[in-house]
PDB file of all heavy atoms in Angstrom:
ATOM      1  N   LEU A   1       2.925   0.322  17.983  1.00  0.00           N
ATOM      2  CA  LEU A   1       2.218   0.948  16.868  1.00  0.00           C
ATOM      3  C   LEU A   1       1.058   0.041  16.487  1.00  0.00           C
ATOM      4  O   LEU A   1       1.010  -1.128  16.894  1.00  0.00           O
ATOM      5  CB  LEU A   1       3.128   1.212  15.660  1.00  0.00           C
ATOM      6  CG  LEU A   1       3.477   0.065  14.720  1.00  0.00           C
ATOM      7  CD1 LEU A   1       4.041   0.625  13.415  1.00  0.00           C
ATOM      8  CD2 LEU A   1       4.460  -0.895  15.327  1.00  0.00           C
ATOM      9  N   SER A   2       0.154   0.567  15.690  1.00  0.00           N
ATOM     10  CA  SER A   2      -0.999  -0.212  15.255  1.00  0.00           C
ATOM     11  C   SER A   2      -0.703  -0.903  13.929  1.00  0.00           C
ATOM     12  O   SER A   2       0.202  -0.503  13.186  1.00  0.00           O
ATOM     13  CB  SER A   2      -2.216   0.693  15.088  1.00  0.00           C
ATOM     14  OG  SER A   2      -2.017   1.594  14.007  1.00  0.00           O
ATOM     15  N   LEU A   3      -1.490  -1.925  13.630  1.00  0.00           N
ATOM     16  CA  LEU A   3      -1.359  -2.587  12.330  1.00  0.00           C
ATOM     17  C   LEU A   3      -1.697  -1.612  11.211  1.00  0.00           C
ATOM     18  O   LEU A   3      -1.064  -1.641  10.146  1.00  0.00           O
ATOM     19  CB  LEU A   3      -2.269  -3.817  12.283  1.00  0.00           C
ATOM     20  CG  LEU A   3      -2.104  -4.740  11.071  1.00  0.00           C
ATOM     21  CD1 LEU A   3      -0.688  -5.315  10.990  1.00  0.00           C
ATOM     22  CD2 LEU A   3      -3.134  -5.869  11.119  1.00  0.00           C
ATOM     23  N   GLU A   4      -2.673  -0.746  11.450  1.00  0.00           N
ATOM     24  CA  GLU A   4      -3.029   0.253  10.439  1.00  0.00           C
ATOM     25  C   GLU A   4      -1.851   1.178  10.135  1.00  0.00           C
ATOM     26  O   GLU A   4      -1.590   1.495   8.964  1.00  0.00           O
ATOM     27  CB  GLU A   4      -4.228   1.083  10.923  1.00  0.00           C
ATOM     28  CG  GLU A   4      -5.565   0.365  10.852  1.00  0.00           C
ATOM     29  CD  GLU A   4      -5.818  -0.600  12.005  1.00  0.00           C
ATOM     30  OE1 GLU A   4      -4.953  -0.683  12.925  1.00  0.00           O
ATOM     31  OE2 GLU A   4      -6.852  -1.276  12.010  1.00  0.00           O
ATOM     32  N   ARG A   5      -1.152   1.610  11.157  1.00  0.00           N
ATOM     33  CA  ARG A   5      -0.004   2.499  10.944  1.00  0.00           C
ATOM     34  C   ARG A   5       1.112   1.765  10.214  1.00  0.00           C
ATOM     35  O   ARG A   5       1.785   2.349   9.351  1.00  0.00           O
ATOM     36  CB  ARG A   5       0.499   3.033  12.290  1.00  0.00           C
ATOM     37  CG  ARG A   5       1.623   4.048  12.159  1.00  0.00           C
ATOM     38  CD  ARG A   5       1.126   5.372  11.598  1.00  0.00           C
ATOM     39  NE  ARG A   5       2.218   6.333  11.463  1.00  0.00           N
ATOM     40  CZ  ARG A   5       2.664   6.803  10.297  1.00  0.00           C
ATOM     41  NH1 ARG A   5       2.099   6.437   9.161  1.00  0.00           N
ATOM     42  NH2 ARG A   5       3.658   7.669  10.269  1.00  0.00           N
ATOM     43  N   PHE A   6       1.305   0.501  10.524  1.00  0.00           N
ATOM     44  CA  PHE A   6       2.302  -0.299   9.809  1.00  0.00           C
ATOM     45  C   PHE A   6       1.981  -0.342   8.318  1.00  0.00           C
ATOM     46  O   PHE A   6       2.867  -0.160   7.478  1.00  0.00           O
ATOM     47  CB  PHE A   6       2.353  -1.706  10.400  1.00  0.00           C
ATOM     48  CG  PHE A   6       3.295  -2.645   9.692  1.00  0.00           C
ATOM     49  CD1 PHE A   6       4.655  -2.397   9.657  1.00  0.00           C
ATOM     50  CD2 PHE A   6       2.816  -3.784   9.064  1.00  0.00           C
ATOM     51  CE1 PHE A   6       5.531  -3.264   9.003  1.00  0.00           C
ATOM     52  CE2 PHE A   6       3.672  -4.655   8.411  1.00  0.00           C
ATOM     53  CZ  PHE A   6       5.035  -4.393   8.378  1.00  0.00           C
ATOM     54  N   VAL A   7       0.719  -0.586   7.975  1.00  0.00           N
ATOM     55  CA  VAL A   7       0.314  -0.627   6.563  1.00  0.00           C
ATOM     56  C   VAL A   7       0.590   0.711   5.884  1.00  0.00           C
ATOM     57  O   VAL A   7       1.049   0.767   4.739  1.00  0.00           O
ATOM     58  CB  VAL A   7      -1.167  -1.032   6.449  1.00  0.00           C
ATOM     59  CG1 VAL A   7      -1.677  -0.824   5.022  1.00  0.00           C
ATOM     60  CG2 VAL A   7      -1.362  -2.490   6.864  1.00  0.00           C
ATOM     61  N   GLU A   8       0.327   1.800   6.595  1.00  0.00           N
ATOM     62  CA  GLU A   8       0.629   3.117   6.025  1.00  0.00           C
ATOM     63  C   GLU A   8       2.116   3.260   5.701  1.00  0.00           C
ATOM     64  O   GLU A   8       2.496   3.825   4.674  1.00  0.00           O
ATOM     65  CB  GLU A   8       0.211   4.216   7.000  1.00  0.00           C
ATOM     66  CG  GLU A   8      -1.296   4.385   7.154  1.00  0.00           C
ATOM     67  CD  GLU A   8      -1.650   5.403   8.222  1.00  0.00           C
ATOM     68  OE1 GLU A   8      -0.716   5.952   8.849  1.00  0.00           O
ATOM     69  OE2 GLU A   8      -2.845   5.652   8.428  1.00  0.00           O
ATOM     70  N   LEU A   9       2.967   2.739   6.558  1.00  0.00           N
ATOM     71  CA  LEU A   9       4.412   2.921   6.415  1.00  0.00           C
ATOM     72  C   LEU A   9       5.025   2.038   5.337  1.00  0.00           C
ATOM     73  O   LEU A   9       6.053   2.407   4.751  1.00  0.00           O
ATOM     74  CB  LEU A   9       5.098   2.644   7.753  1.00  0.00           C
ATOM     75  CG  LEU A   9       4.839   3.656   8.873  1.00  0.00           C
ATOM     76  CD1 LEU A   9       5.275   3.094  10.212  1.00  0.00           C
ATOM     77  CD2 LEU A   9       5.532   4.977   8.582  1.00  0.00           C
ATOM     78  N   VAL A  10       4.452   0.865   5.097  1.00  0.00           N
ATOM     79  CA  VAL A  10       5.088  -0.084   4.168  1.00  0.00           C
ATOM     80  C   VAL A  10       4.300  -0.290   2.880  1.00  0.00           C
ATOM     81  O   VAL A  10       4.796  -0.957   1.963  1.00  0.00           O
ATOM     82  CB  VAL A  10       5.333  -1.454   4.844  1.00  0.00           C
ATOM     83  CG1 VAL A  10       6.347  -1.330   5.965  1.00  0.00           C
ATOM     84  CG2 VAL A  10       4.023  -2.080   5.337  1.00  0.00           C
ATOM     85  N   SER A  11       3.104   0.291   2.781  1.00  0.00           N
ATOM     86  CA  SER A  11       2.307   0.138   1.561  1.00  0.00           C
ATOM     87  C   SER A  11       1.814   1.493   1.045  1.00  0.00           C
ATOM     88  O   SER A  11       2.180   1.921  -0.042  1.00  0.00           O
ATOM     89  CB  SER A  11       1.118  -0.802   1.813  1.00  0.00           C
ATOM     90  OG  SER A  11       1.565  -2.082   2.217  1.00  0.00           O
ATOM     91  N   TYR A  12       0.996   2.183   1.837  1.00  0.00           N
ATOM     92  CA  TYR A  12       0.448   3.455   1.379  1.00  0.00           C
ATOM     93  C   TYR A  12       1.539   4.508   1.208  1.00  0.00           C
ATOM     94  O   TYR A  12       1.525   5.266   0.233  1.00  0.00           O
ATOM     95  CB  TYR A  12      -0.603   3.986   2.365  1.00  0.00           C
ATOM     96  CG  TYR A  12      -1.777   3.064   2.608  1.00  0.00           C
ATOM     97  CD1 TYR A  12      -2.591   3.227   3.721  1.00  0.00           C
ATOM     98  CD2 TYR A  12      -2.090   2.017   1.732  1.00  0.00           C
ATOM     99  CE1 TYR A  12      -3.678   2.398   3.963  1.00  0.00           C
ATOM    100  CE2 TYR A  12      -3.159   1.182   1.960  1.00  0.00           C
ATOM    101  CZ  TYR A  12      -3.956   1.366   3.082  1.00  0.00           C
ATOM    102  OH  TYR A  12      -5.024   0.541   3.313  1.00  0.00           O
ATOM    103  N   GLY A  13       2.472   4.582   2.153  1.00  0.00           N
ATOM    104  CA  GLY A  13       3.547   5.568   2.061  1.00  0.00           C
ATOM    105  C   GLY A  13       4.415   5.385   0.825  1.00  0.00           C
ATOM    106  O   GLY A  13       4.631   6.343   0.069  1.00  0.00           O
ATOM    107  N   PRO A  14       4.939   4.173   0.585  1.00  0.00           N
ATOM    108  CA  PRO A  14       5.706   3.957  -0.642  1.00  0.00           C
ATOM    109  C   PRO A  14       4.921   4.298  -1.908  1.00  0.00           C
ATOM    110  O   PRO A  14       5.457   4.915  -2.831  1.00  0.00           O
ATOM    111  CB  PRO A  14       6.042   2.467  -0.574  1.00  0.00           C
ATOM    112  CG  PRO A  14       6.111   2.180   0.889  1.00  0.00           C
ATOM    113  CD  PRO A  14       5.029   3.027   1.500  1.00  0.00           C
ATOM    114  N   GLN A  15       3.638   3.910  -1.961  1.00  0.00           N
ATOM    115  CA  GLN A  15       2.825   4.206  -3.135  1.00  0.00           C
ATOM    116  C   GLN A  15       2.705   5.716  -3.355  1.00  0.00           C
ATOM    117  O   GLN A  15       2.837   6.209  -4.477  1.00  0.00           O
ATOM    118  CB  GLN A  15       1.434   3.571  -2.975  1.00  0.00           C
ATOM    119  CG  GLN A  15       0.579   3.646  -4.233  1.00  0.00           C
ATOM    120  CD  GLN A  15      -0.116   4.980  -4.417  1.00  0.00           C
ATOM    121  OE1 GLN A  15      -0.454   5.653  -3.439  1.00  0.00           O
ATOM    122  NE2 GLN A  15      -0.305   5.381  -5.661  1.00  0.00           N
ATOM    123  N   ARG A  16       2.482   6.451  -2.274  1.00  0.00           N
ATOM    124  CA  ARG A  16       2.271   7.886  -2.371  1.00  0.00           C
ATOM    125  C   ARG A  16       3.556   8.638  -2.714  1.00  0.00           C
ATOM    126  O   ARG A  16       3.571   9.481  -3.624  1.00  0.00           O
ATOM    127  CB  ARG A  16       1.695   8.400  -1.045  1.00  0.00           C
ATOM    128  CG  ARG A  16       1.571   9.900  -0.926  1.00  0.00           C
ATOM    129  CD  ARG A  16       0.826  10.284   0.348  1.00  0.00           C
ATOM    130  NE  ARG A  16       1.386   9.631   1.536  1.00  0.00           N
ATOM    131  CZ  ARG A  16       2.411  10.104   2.249  1.00  0.00           C
ATOM    132  NH1 ARG A  16       3.009  11.232   1.873  1.00  0.00           N
ATOM    133  NH2 ARG A  16       2.847   9.472   3.314  1.00  0.00           N
ATOM    134  N   ILE A  17       4.637   8.335  -2.004  1.00  0.00           N
ATOM    135  CA  ILE A  17       5.889   9.067  -2.205  1.00  0.00           C
ATOM    136  C   ILE A  17       6.472   8.781  -3.585  1.00  0.00           C
ATOM    137  O   ILE A  17       7.004   9.685  -4.249  1.00  0.00           O
ATOM    138  CB  ILE A  17       6.915   8.709  -1.110  1.00  0.00           C
ATOM    139  CG1 ILE A  17       6.385   9.083   0.283  1.00  0.00           C
ATOM    140  CG2 ILE A  17       8.260   9.374  -1.388  1.00  0.00           C
ATOM    141  CD1 ILE A  17       6.033  10.539   0.447  1.00  0.00           C
ATOM    142  N   HIS A  18       6.372   7.542  -4.040  1.00  0.00           N
ATOM    143  CA  HIS A  18       6.982   7.163  -5.313  1.00  0.00           C
ATOM    144  C   HIS A  18       5.984   7.088  -6.464  1.00  0.00           C
ATOM    145  O   HIS A  18       6.380   6.771  -7.592  1.00  0.00           O
ATOM    146  CB  HIS A  18       7.693   5.813  -5.166  1.00  0.00           C
ATOM    147  CG  HIS A  18       8.918   5.886  -4.306  1.00  0.00           C
ATOM    148  ND1 HIS A  18      10.150   6.252  -4.804  1.00  0.00           N
ATOM    149  CD2 HIS A  18       9.097   5.652  -2.992  1.00  0.00           C
ATOM    150  CE1 HIS A  18      11.035   6.240  -3.824  1.00  0.00           C
ATOM    151  NE2 HIS A  18      10.428   5.884  -2.713  1.00  0.00           N
ATOM    152  N   GLN A  19       4.716   7.382  -6.190  1.00  0.00           N
ATOM    153  CA  GLN A  19       3.682   7.367  -7.226  1.00  0.00           C
ATOM    154  C   GLN A  19       3.678   6.022  -7.974  1.00  0.00           C
ATOM    155  O   GLN A  19       3.728   5.967  -9.214  1.00  0.00           O
ATOM    156  CB  GLN A  19       3.870   8.534  -8.188  1.00  0.00           C
ATOM    157  CG  GLN A  19       3.553   9.889  -7.576  1.00  0.00           C
ATOM    158  CD  GLN A  19       2.070  10.020  -7.231  1.00  0.00           C
ATOM    159  OE1 GLN A  19       1.216   9.990  -8.101  1.00  0.00           O
ATOM    160  NE2 GLN A  19       1.772  10.135  -5.943  1.00  0.00           N
ATOM    161  N   ILE A  20       3.610   4.961  -7.193  1.00  0.00           N
ATOM    162  CA  ILE A  20       3.577   3.614  -7.772  1.00  0.00           C
ATOM    163  C   ILE A  20       2.224   3.374  -8.424  1.00  0.00           C
ATOM    164  O   ILE A  20       1.179   3.724  -7.876  1.00  0.00           O
ATOM    165  CB  ILE A  20       3.841   2.552  -6.695  1.00  0.00           C
ATOM    166  CG1 ILE A  20       5.189   2.807  -6.007  1.00  0.00           C
ATOM    167  CG2 ILE A  20       3.792   1.150  -7.272  1.00  0.00           C
ATOM    168  CD1 ILE A  20       5.417   1.950  -4.778  1.00  0.00           C
ATOM    169  N   ALA A  21       2.233   2.761  -9.588  1.00  0.00           N
ATOM    170  CA  ALA A  21       0.995   2.455 -10.304  1.00  0.00           C
ATOM    171  C   ALA A  21       0.441   1.103  -9.845  1.00  0.00           C
ATOM    172  O   ALA A  21       1.157   0.098  -9.865  1.00  0.00           O
ATOM    173  CB  ALA A  21       1.245   2.437 -11.808  1.00  0.00           C
ATOM    174  N   ASN A  22      -0.814   1.096  -9.407  1.00  0.00           N
ATOM    175  CA  ASN A  22      -1.574  -0.138  -9.155  1.00  0.00           C
ATOM    176  C   ASN A  22      -1.025  -1.017  -8.045  1.00  0.00           C
ATOM    177  O   ASN A  22      -1.261  -2.222  -8.036  1.00  0.00           O
ATOM    178  CB  ASN A  22      -1.703  -0.971 -10.444  1.00  0.00           C
ATOM    179  CG  ASN A  22      -2.623  -0.320 -11.451  1.00  0.00           C
ATOM    180  OD1 ASN A  22      -2.157   0.453 -12.286  1.00  0.00           O
ATOM    181  ND2 ASN A  22      -3.906  -0.594 -11.362  1.00  0.00           N
ATOM    182  N   LYS A  23      -0.319  -0.442  -7.120  1.00  0.00           N
ATOM    183  CA  LYS A  23       0.161  -1.202  -5.972  1.00  0.00           C
ATOM    184  C   LYS A  23      -0.084  -0.418  -4.690  1.00  0.00           C
ATOM    185  O   LYS A  23      -0.328   0.776  -4.713  1.00  0.00           O
ATOM    186  CB  LYS A  23       1.659  -1.516  -6.084  1.00  0.00           C
ATOM    187  CG  LYS A  23       2.012  -2.568  -7.121  1.00  0.00           C
ATOM    188  CD  LYS A  23       3.473  -2.962  -7.036  1.00  0.00           C
ATOM    189  CE  LYS A  23       3.858  -3.964  -8.104  1.00  0.00           C
ATOM    190  NZ  LYS A  23       3.155  -5.247  -7.950  1.00  0.00           N
ATOM    191  N   GLY A  24       0.003  -1.128  -3.561  1.00  0.00           N
ATOM    192  CA  GLY A  24       0.000  -0.450  -2.280  1.00  0.00           C
ATOM    193  C   GLY A  24      -1.305  -0.467  -1.530  1.00  0.00           C
ATOM    194  O   GLY A  24      -1.367   0.029  -0.403  1.00  0.00           O
ATOM    195  N   ARG A  25      -2.376  -1.047  -2.119  1.00  0.00           N
ATOM    196  CA  ARG A  25      -3.627  -1.123  -1.376  1.00  0.00           C
ATOM    197  C   ARG A  25      -4.471  -2.287  -1.873  1.00  0.00           C
ATOM    198  O   ARG A  25      -4.308  -2.752  -3.005  1.00  0.00           O
ATOM    199  CB  ARG A  25      -4.402   0.197  -1.456  1.00  0.00           C
ATOM    200  CG  ARG A  25      -4.781   0.648  -2.838  1.00  0.00           C
ATOM    201  CD  ARG A  25      -5.290   2.085  -2.784  1.00  0.00           C
ATOM    202  NE  ARG A  25      -4.261   2.967  -2.240  1.00  0.00           N
ATOM    203  CZ  ARG A  25      -4.510   3.927  -1.350  1.00  0.00           C
ATOM    204  NH1 ARG A  25      -5.744   4.125  -0.913  1.00  0.00           N
ATOM    205  NH2 ARG A  25      -3.537   4.680  -0.894  1.00  0.00           N
ATOM    206  N   ILE A  26      -5.346  -2.753  -1.008  1.00  0.00           N
ATOM    207  CA  ILE A  26      -6.264  -3.823  -1.374  1.00  0.00           C
ATOM    208  C   ILE A  26      -7.547  -3.172  -1.833  1.00  0.00           C
ATOM    209  O   ILE A  26      -8.405  -2.774  -1.039  1.00  0.00           O
ATOM    210  CB  ILE A  26      -6.494  -4.788  -0.195  1.00  0.00           C
ATOM    211  CG1 ILE A  26      -5.166  -5.439   0.216  1.00  0.00           C
ATOM    212  CG2 ILE A  26      -7.510  -5.864  -0.580  1.00  0.00           C
ATOM    213  CD1 ILE A  26      -5.268  -6.371   1.412  1.00  0.00           C
ATOM    214  N   ALA A  27      -7.659  -3.012  -3.147  1.00  0.00           N
ATOM    215  CA  ALA A  27      -8.805  -2.357  -3.765  1.00  0.00           C
ATOM    216  C   ALA A  27      -8.968  -2.903  -5.180  1.00  0.00           C
ATOM    217  O   ALA A  27      -8.000  -3.413  -5.780  1.00  0.00           O
ATOM    218  CB  ALA A  27      -8.609  -0.840  -3.789  1.00  0.00           C
ATOM    219  N   LEU A  28     -10.164  -2.811  -5.716  1.00  0.00           N
ATOM    220  CA  LEU A  28     -10.433  -3.347  -7.045  1.00  0.00           C
ATOM    221  C   LEU A  28      -9.531  -2.703  -8.082  1.00  0.00           C
ATOM    222  O   LEU A  28      -9.337  -1.488  -8.099  1.00  0.00           O
ATOM    223  CB  LEU A  28     -11.901  -3.123  -7.406  1.00  0.00           C
ATOM    224  CG  LEU A  28     -12.936  -3.790  -6.498  1.00  0.00           C
ATOM    225  CD1 LEU A  28     -14.355  -3.526  -7.018  1.00  0.00           C
ATOM    226  CD2 LEU A  28     -12.689  -5.288  -6.380  1.00  0.00           C
ATOM    227  N   GLY A  29      -8.974  -3.536  -8.964  1.00  0.00           N
ATOM    228  CA  GLY A  29      -8.113  -3.068 -10.029  1.00  0.00           C
ATOM    229  C   GLY A  29      -6.650  -2.970  -9.680  1.00  0.00           C
ATOM    230  O   GLY A  29      -5.812  -2.780 -10.566  1.00  0.00           O
ATOM    231  N   TYR A  30      -6.317  -3.113  -8.399  1.00  0.00           N
ATOM    232  CA  TYR A  30      -4.912  -3.063  -7.982  1.00  0.00           C
ATOM    233  C   TYR A  30      -4.258  -4.432  -8.133  1.00  0.00           C
ATOM    234  O   TYR A  30      -4.935  -5.471  -8.171  1.00  0.00           O
ATOM    235  CB  TYR A  30      -4.811  -2.596  -6.525  1.00  0.00           C
ATOM    236  CG  TYR A  30      -4.848  -1.104  -6.380  1.00  0.00           C
ATOM    237  CD1 TYR A  30      -6.025  -0.392  -6.618  1.00  0.00           C
ATOM    238  CD2 TYR A  30      -3.707  -0.388  -6.024  1.00  0.00           C
ATOM    239  CE1 TYR A  30      -6.063   0.988  -6.495  1.00  0.00           C
ATOM    240  CE2 TYR A  30      -3.739   0.990  -5.898  1.00  0.00           C
ATOM    241  CZ  TYR A  30      -4.922   1.678  -6.142  1.00  0.00           C
ATOM    242  OH  TYR A  30      -4.952   3.042  -6.026  1.00  0.00           O
ATOM    243  N   ASP A  31      -2.931  -4.424  -8.245  1.00  0.00           N
ATOM    244  CA  ASP A  31      -2.191  -5.682  -8.311  1.00  0.00           C
ATOM    245  C   ASP A  31      -2.496  -6.529  -7.080  1.00  0.00           C
ATOM    246  O   ASP A  31      -2.617  -6.011  -5.970  1.00  0.00           O
ATOM    247  CB  ASP A  31      -0.686  -5.424  -8.384  1.00  0.00           C
ATOM    248  CG  ASP A  31      -0.245  -4.908  -9.743  1.00  0.00           C
ATOM    249  OD1 ASP A  31      -1.084  -4.854 -10.667  1.00  0.00           O
ATOM    250  OD2 ASP A  31       0.942  -4.567  -9.880  1.00  0.00           O
ATOM    251  N   ALA A  32      -2.597  -7.826  -7.298  1.00  0.00           N
ATOM    252  CA  ALA A  32      -2.920  -8.762  -6.217  1.00  0.00           C
ATOM    253  C   ALA A  32      -1.663  -9.115  -5.433  1.00  0.00           C
ATOM    254  O   ALA A  32      -1.154 -10.238  -5.479  1.00  0.00           O
ATOM    255  CB  ALA A  32      -3.584 -10.010  -6.780  1.00  0.00           C
ATOM    256  N   ASP A  33      -1.143  -8.114  -4.729  1.00  0.00           N
ATOM    257  CA  ASP A  33       0.030  -8.274  -3.861  1.00  0.00           C
ATOM    258  C   ASP A  33      -0.460  -8.319  -2.420  1.00  0.00           C
ATOM    259  O   ASP A  33      -1.128  -7.383  -1.966  1.00  0.00           O
ATOM    260  CB  ASP A  33       0.994  -7.094  -4.021  1.00  0.00           C
ATOM    261  CG  ASP A  33       1.533  -6.926  -5.429  1.00  0.00           C
ATOM    262  OD1 ASP A  33       1.602  -7.926  -6.158  1.00  0.00           O
ATOM    263  OD2 ASP A  33       1.888  -5.787  -5.777  1.00  0.00           O
ATOM    264  N   PHE A  34      -0.097  -9.373  -1.697  1.00  0.00           N
ATOM    265  CA  PHE A  34      -0.568  -9.521  -0.329  1.00  0.00           C
ATOM    266  C   PHE A  34       0.540 -10.035   0.576  1.00  0.00           C
ATOM    267  O   PHE A  34       1.310 -10.920   0.196  1.00  0.00           O
ATOM    268  CB  PHE A  34      -1.750 -10.502  -0.246  1.00  0.00           C
ATOM    269  CG  PHE A  34      -2.868 -10.204  -1.199  1.00  0.00           C
ATOM    270  CD1 PHE A  34      -3.039 -10.964  -2.352  1.00  0.00           C
ATOM    271  CD2 PHE A  34      -3.745  -9.155  -0.960  1.00  0.00           C
ATOM    272  CE1 PHE A  34      -4.062 -10.697  -3.242  1.00  0.00           C
ATOM    273  CE2 PHE A  34      -4.785  -8.878  -1.845  1.00  0.00           C
ATOM    274  CZ  PHE A  34      -4.946  -9.655  -2.987  1.00  0.00           C
ATOM    275  N   THR A  35       0.591  -9.478   1.765  1.00  0.00           N
ATOM    276  CA  THR A  35       1.415  -9.997   2.850  1.00  0.00           C
ATOM    277  C   THR A  35       0.438 -10.523   3.896  1.00  0.00           C
ATOM    278  O   THR A  35      -0.256  -9.740   4.548  1.00  0.00           O
ATOM    279  CB  THR A  35       2.307  -8.898   3.437  1.00  0.00           C
ATOM    280  OG1 THR A  35       3.142  -8.365   2.402  1.00  0.00           O
ATOM    281  CG2 THR A  35       3.182  -9.444   4.557  1.00  0.00           C
TER     282      THR A  35
END
């Protein structure tokens, strides 16, 4: 699999399915969570 697909599965997917606030992506205003 690609690194992009991995990010979708462990960051974007959880954010979308669970409607997490301010997490799941590297963008301005989001929590500074990094792996």
